[in-house]
Amino acid sequence: MITLVCLYGPFSWLLVISYPWNGYRWFWVMLWPILPGLLAGLPFHPRQSVEFTVMGMTTMAVIGLLTYLGTKGIFGRIASAVIALAISVPTALLSFTLFRS
């Protein structure tokens, strides 16, 4: 649970940003579940279906690996949370930049 908060929490800027709640913002809110895989999907950008599929698969793989690491005791859970933050903070900053551009 902590790992998922660490993985998805940095993307909460979507909820608190000073921006109108229009279709563009809702589009990004709907992307929230796959945003941790943003970096993997960027090379496929013009083709949205491929981009979003790669982002989703990457996010699922990251969650699976972090869950596996979290089963290895307290140090595994701590490492899992730290790795999740190391992945999601830069990705959230990038997604915020892309959102504003």
C-alpha atoms as a PDB file:
ATOM      1  CA  MET A   1       0.000   0.000   0.000  1.00  0.00           C
ATOM      2  CA  ILE A   2       2.776   2.452   0.912  1.00  0.00           C
ATOM      3  CA  THR A   3       4.533   1.630  -2.338  1.00  0.00           C
ATOM      4  CA  LEU A   4       1.429   2.487  -4.355  1.00  0.00           C
ATOM      5  CA  VAL A   5       1.094   5.789  -2.499  1.00  0.00           C
ATOM      6  CA  CYS A   6       4.742   6.503  -3.297  1.00  0.00           C
ATOM      7  CA  LEU A   7       4.213   5.506  -6.931  1.00  0.00           C
ATOM      8  CA  TYR A   8       1.003   7.465  -7.564  1.00  0.00           C
ATOM      9  CA  GLY A   9       1.182  10.242  -4.957  1.00  0.00           C
ATOM     10  CA  PRO A  10       3.508  12.557  -6.890  1.00  0.00           C
ATOM     11  CA  PHE A  11       0.900  12.720  -9.649  1.00  0.00           C
ATOM     12  CA  SER A  12      -1.595  14.333  -7.273  1.00  0.00           C
ATOM     13  CA  TRP A  13      -0.651  17.657  -8.837  1.00  0.00           C
ATOM     14  CA  LEU A  14      -3.475  16.767 -11.224  1.00  0.00           C
ATOM     15  CA  LEU A  15      -5.953  17.398  -8.423  1.00  0.00           C
ATOM     16  CA  VAL A  16      -4.473  20.511  -6.861  1.00  0.00           C
ATOM     17  CA  ILE A  17      -3.147  22.466  -9.854  1.00  0.00           C
ATOM     18  CA  SER A  18      -4.742  25.810 -10.618  1.00  0.00           C
ATOM     19  CA  TYR A  19      -6.230  24.871 -13.964  1.00  0.00           C
ATOM     20  CA  PRO A  20      -9.835  24.627 -15.168  1.00  0.00           C
ATOM     21  CA  TRP A  21     -11.583  21.277 -14.951  1.00  0.00           C
ATOM     22  CA  ASN A  22     -12.037  20.940 -18.689  1.00  0.00           C
ATOM     23  CA  GLY A  23     -11.645  18.006 -21.068  1.00  0.00           C
ATOM     24  CA  TYR A  24      -7.884  18.374 -21.256  1.00  0.00           C
ATOM     25  CA  ARG A  25      -7.477  18.067 -17.497  1.00  0.00           C
ATOM     26  CA  TRP A  26      -9.905  15.134 -17.304  1.00  0.00           C
ATOM     27  CA  PHE A  27      -7.913  13.428 -20.058  1.00  0.00           C
ATOM     28  CA  TRP A  28      -4.798  13.635 -17.855  1.00  0.00           C
ATOM     29  CA  VAL A  29      -6.758  12.473 -14.796  1.00  0.00           C
ATOM     30  CA  MET A  30      -7.881   9.422 -16.767  1.00  0.00           C
ATOM     31  CA  LEU A  31      -4.221   8.776 -17.663  1.00  0.00           C
ATOM     32  CA  TRP A  32      -3.261   8.774 -13.964  1.00  0.00           C
ATOM     33  CA  PRO A  33      -3.283   4.948 -13.611  1.00  0.00           C
ATOM     34  CA  ILE A  34      -0.655   4.576 -16.359  1.00  0.00           C
ATOM     35  CA  LEU A  35       1.377   7.755 -15.788  1.00  0.00           C
ATOM     36  CA  PRO A  36       4.219   5.963 -13.944  1.00  0.00           C
ATOM     37  CA  GLY A  37       5.056   4.367 -17.308  1.00  0.00           C
ATOM     38  CA  LEU A  38       5.180   7.700 -19.140  1.00  0.00           C
ATOM     39  CA  LEU A  39       8.871   7.529 -20.013  1.00  0.00           C
ATOM     40  CA  ALA A  40       8.466   4.176 -21.722  1.00  0.00           C
ATOM     41  CA  GLY A  41       5.565   5.439 -23.833  1.00  0.00           C
ATOM     42  CA  LEU A  42       7.115   8.696 -25.028  1.00  0.00           C
ATOM     43  CA  PRO A  43       9.001   7.184 -28.010  1.00  0.00           C
ATOM     44  CA  PHE A  44       5.626   6.089 -29.417  1.00  0.00           C
ATOM     45  CA  HIS A  45       3.986   9.505 -28.923  1.00  0.00           C
ATOM     46  CA  PRO A  46       2.216  10.157 -32.231  1.00  0.00           C
ATOM     47  CA  ARG A  47       0.496   6.761 -32.053  1.00  0.00           C
ATOM     48  CA  GLN A  48      -1.639   7.089 -28.923  1.00  0.00           C
ATOM     49  CA  SER A  49      -2.881   3.507 -28.767  1.00  0.00           C
ATOM     50  CA  VAL A  50       0.665   2.122 -28.814  1.00  0.00           C
ATOM     51  CA  GLU A  51       1.894   4.827 -26.445  1.00  0.00           C
ATOM     52  CA  PHE A  52      -0.823   4.143 -23.872  1.00  0.00           C
ATOM     53  CA  THR A  53      -0.435   0.369 -24.185  1.00  0.00           C
ATOM     54  CA  VAL A  54       3.313   0.605 -23.544  1.00  0.00           C
ATOM     55  CA  MET A  55       2.715   2.981 -20.632  1.00  0.00           C
ATOM     56  CA  GLY A  56       0.171   0.603 -19.104  1.00  0.00           C
ATOM     57  CA  MET A  57       2.342  -2.473 -19.545  1.00  0.00           C
ATOM     58  CA  THR A  58       5.339  -0.679 -18.067  1.00  0.00           C
ATOM     59  CA  THR A  59       3.296   0.495 -15.087  1.00  0.00           C
ATOM     60  CA  MET A  60       2.011  -3.039 -14.495  1.00  0.00           C
ATOM     61  CA  ALA A  61       5.546  -4.432 -14.690  1.00  0.00           C
ATOM     62  CA  VAL A  62       6.826  -1.826 -12.227  1.00  0.00           C
ATOM     63  CA  ILE A  63       3.986  -2.565  -9.804  1.00  0.00           C
ATOM     64  CA  GLY A  64       4.646  -6.295 -10.126  1.00  0.00           C
ATOM     65  CA  LEU A  65       8.371  -5.936  -9.480  1.00  0.00           C
ATOM     66  CA  LEU A  66       7.853  -3.556  -6.562  1.00  0.00           C
ATOM     67  CA  THR A  67       5.247  -5.892  -5.079  1.00  0.00           C
ATOM     68  CA  TYR A  68       7.653  -8.797  -5.369  1.00  0.00           C
ATOM     69  CA  LEU A  69      10.394  -6.749  -3.717  1.00  0.00           C
ATOM     70  CA  GLY A  70       7.956  -5.762  -0.971  1.00  0.00           C
ATOM     71  CA  THR A  71       7.416  -9.418  -0.065  1.00  0.00           C
ATOM     72  CA  LYS A  72      11.056  -9.738   0.974  1.00  0.00           C
ATOM     73  CA  GLY A  73      10.596  -8.358   4.475  1.00  0.00           C
ATOM     74  CA  ILE A  74      10.775  -4.903   5.992  1.00  0.00           C
ATOM     75  CA  PHE A  75      13.896  -3.875   4.078  1.00  0.00           C
ATOM     76  CA  GLY A  76      12.253  -4.994   0.849  1.00  0.00           C
ATOM     77  CA  ARG A  77       9.208  -2.846   1.622  1.00  0.00           C
ATOM     78  CA  ILE A  78      11.396   0.154   2.386  1.00  0.00           C
ATOM     79  CA  ALA A  79      13.418  -0.381  -0.792  1.00  0.00           C
ATOM     80  CA  SER A  80      10.198  -0.786  -2.765  1.00  0.00           C
ATOM     81  CA  ALA A  81       8.855   2.545  -1.491  1.00  0.00           C
ATOM     82  CA  VAL A  82      12.142   4.352  -2.162  1.00  0.00           C
ATOM     83  CA  ILE A  83      12.352   2.934  -5.695  1.00  0.00           C
ATOM     84  CA  ALA A  84       8.726   3.903  -6.318  1.00  0.00           C
ATOM     85  CA  LEU A  85       9.501   7.482  -5.302  1.00  0.00           C
ATOM     86  CA  ALA A  86      12.663   7.484  -7.417  1.00  0.00           C
ATOM     87  CA  ILE A  87      10.568   6.479 -10.423  1.00  0.00           C
ATOM     88  CA  SER A  88       7.495   8.611  -9.874  1.00  0.00           C
ATOM     89  CA  VAL A  89       8.911  11.971  -8.749  1.00  0.00           C
ATOM     90  CA  PRO A  90      10.896  12.652 -11.963  1.00  0.00           C
ATOM     91  CA  THR A  91       8.074  11.198 -14.042  1.00  0.00           C
ATOM     92  CA  ALA A  92       5.537  13.435 -12.278  1.00  0.00           C
ATOM     93  CA  LEU A  93       7.729  16.460 -12.957  1.00  0.00           C
ATOM     94  CA  LEU A  94       7.955  15.492 -16.618  1.00  0.00           C
ATOM     95  CA  SER A  95       4.207  14.896 -16.854  1.00  0.00           C
ATOM     96  CA  PHE A  96       3.554  18.301 -15.260  1.00  0.00           C
ATOM     97  CA  THR A  97       5.838  19.910 -17.857  1.00  0.00           C
ATOM     98  CA  LEU A  98       4.053  18.088 -20.673  1.00  0.00           C
ATOM     99  CA  PHE A  99       0.672  19.065 -19.251  1.00  0.00           C
ATOM    100  CA  ARG A 100       1.621  22.750 -19.200  1.00  0.00           C
ATOM    101  CA  SER A 101       3.139  22.780 -22.703  1.00  0.00           C
END
